[in-house]
Amino acid sequence: MKAKFKYVRSSPLKLRKIVNVVRGKNCDEVLYLLKALPQKGARIVEKLVKSAVANAKNNSRQDPHKLIVAEIFVDSAGMLKRFRAQSRGRGAPIKKRLSHVTIEVREKQ
């Protein structure tokens, strides 16, 4: 089963560090691991894993303890462009990047 989290207010580079840690692992192990990570992105990925497990349990009648994270990836979703005032009447751009996170869980073969 799949789950998506679109327009996340975190940069793709920060989320990819967390996603690379959990790829291919058992979902129970992933949830335990994400609780220990201090990053904001870990909370986002944790919420997404829980959603994918619930989708698999309720829609496909799969055993949640046998699920593994088969695919997980982060795509760029554009950015919010802002400007910060600088000296001598200038402005410096601020790019607040957004992400799309997609996960697919499957039962272990």
Protein backbone atom coordinates (compact mmCIF):
# COMPACT_ATOMS: atom_id res chain seq x y z
CA MET A 1 0.00 0.00 0.00
CA LYS A 2 1.09 3.54 -0.66
CA ALA A 3 0.87 6.78 1.27
CA LYS A 4 1.89 10.29 0.25
CA PHE A 5 2.58 13.47 2.18
CA LYS A 6 2.56 16.46 -0.14
CA TYR A 7 3.89 19.99 0.33
CA VAL A 8 5.85 19.24 3.49
CA ARG A 9 7.53 22.35 4.93
CA SER A 10 10.98 20.80 5.02
CA SER A 11 13.70 20.70 2.41
CA PRO A 12 14.21 17.54 0.36
CA LEU A 13 17.88 17.28 1.41
CA LYS A 14 16.98 17.14 5.11
CA LEU A 15 14.24 14.55 4.55
CA ARG A 16 16.41 12.34 2.30
CA LYS A 17 18.89 11.81 5.15
CA ILE A 18 16.10 10.26 7.24
CA VAL A 19 14.49 8.36 4.36
CA ASN A 20 17.78 6.66 3.47
CA VAL A 21 18.03 5.29 7.02
CA VAL A 22 14.61 3.58 6.97
CA ARG A 23 14.50 2.18 3.42
CA GLY A 24 14.12 -1.63 3.31
CA LYS A 25 13.53 -2.14 7.04
CA ASN A 26 10.62 -3.71 8.93
CA CYS A 27 7.89 -1.15 9.75
CA ASP A 28 7.93 -1.94 13.49
CA GLU A 29 11.69 -1.39 13.54
CA VAL A 30 11.31 1.82 11.51
CA LEU A 31 8.80 3.33 13.94
CA TYR A 32 11.07 2.49 16.87
CA LEU A 33 14.07 4.01 15.07
CA LEU A 34 12.24 7.22 14.10
CA LYS A 35 11.20 7.83 17.73
CA ALA A 36 14.91 8.03 18.64
CA LEU A 37 15.89 10.50 15.90
CA PRO A 38 15.80 14.16 17.00
CA GLN A 39 15.05 15.76 13.60
CA LYS A 40 11.73 17.34 12.66
CA GLY A 41 11.72 15.23 9.50
CA ALA A 42 11.65 12.07 11.60
CA ARG A 43 8.20 13.06 12.92
CA ILE A 44 7.01 13.61 9.33
CA VAL A 45 8.28 10.22 8.11
CA GLU A 46 6.92 8.51 11.26
CA LYS A 47 3.44 9.89 10.57
CA LEU A 48 3.68 8.71 6.96
CA VAL A 49 4.80 5.18 7.91
CA LYS A 50 1.88 4.91 10.35
CA SER A 51 -0.50 6.01 7.59
CA ALA A 52 0.89 3.46 5.09
CA VAL A 53 0.65 0.65 7.68
CA ALA A 54 -2.96 1.62 8.47
CA ASN A 55 -3.78 1.66 4.73
CA ALA A 56 -2.32 -1.83 4.30
CA LYS A 57 -4.13 -3.15 7.37
CA ASN A 58 -7.56 -1.70 6.59
CA ASN A 59 -7.67 -1.75 2.77
CA SER A 60 -5.68 -4.88 1.89
CA ARG A 61 -6.09 -6.92 5.12
CA GLN A 62 -2.29 -7.34 5.46
CA ASP A 63 -0.56 -8.20 8.72
CA PRO A 64 1.04 -4.96 10.01
CA HIS A 65 3.90 -6.86 11.74
CA LYS A 66 5.08 -8.44 8.47
CA LEU A 67 5.29 -5.18 6.50
CA ILE A 68 8.55 -3.71 5.23
CA VAL A 69 9.28 -0.31 3.70
CA ALA A 70 9.66 -1.41 0.06
CA GLU A 71 9.98 2.05 -1.49
CA ILE A 72 10.34 5.50 0.00
CA PHE A 73 11.50 8.63 -1.76
CA VAL A 74 11.42 12.42 -1.50
CA ASP A 75 10.74 14.79 -4.40
CA SER A 76 11.07 18.55 -4.53
CA ALA A 77 7.74 20.41 -4.46
CA GLY A 78 8.77 23.95 -5.33
CA MET A 79 9.48 26.69 -2.84
CA LEU A 80 8.10 29.72 -1.09
CA LYS A 81 10.13 32.73 -2.18
CA ARG A 82 10.70 35.47 0.39
CA PHE A 83 13.05 38.42 0.68
CA ARG A 84 15.04 39.64 3.65
CA ALA A 85 16.04 43.30 3.90
CA GLN A 86 19.77 43.95 3.60
CA SER A 87 21.94 46.99 3.94
CA ARG A 88 21.91 49.86 1.44
CA GLY A 89 18.32 49.19 0.36
CA ARG A 90 18.96 45.73 -1.02
CA GLY A 91 17.11 42.48 -0.53
CA ALA A 92 18.42 38.94 -0.20
CA PRO A 93 16.28 36.01 -1.37
CA ILE A 94 15.12 33.31 1.05
CA LYS A 95 13.97 30.04 -0.51
CA LYS A 96 11.74 28.01 1.79
CA ARG A 97 11.78 24.62 0.12
CA LEU A 98 8.86 22.16 0.09
CA SER A 99 8.83 18.37 -0.41
CA HIS A 100 6.63 15.47 -1.47
CA VAL A 101 7.30 12.21 0.42
CA THR A 102 6.00 8.90 -0.98
CA ILE A 103 6.15 5.50 0.75
CA GLU A 104 5.13 2.00 -0.29
CA VAL A 105 4.94 -0.88 2.19
CA ARG A 106 4.65 -4.57 1.29
CA GLU A 107 4.49 -7.84 3.16
CA LYS A 108 7.86 -9.53 3.46
CA GLN A 109 8.17 -12.49 1.06
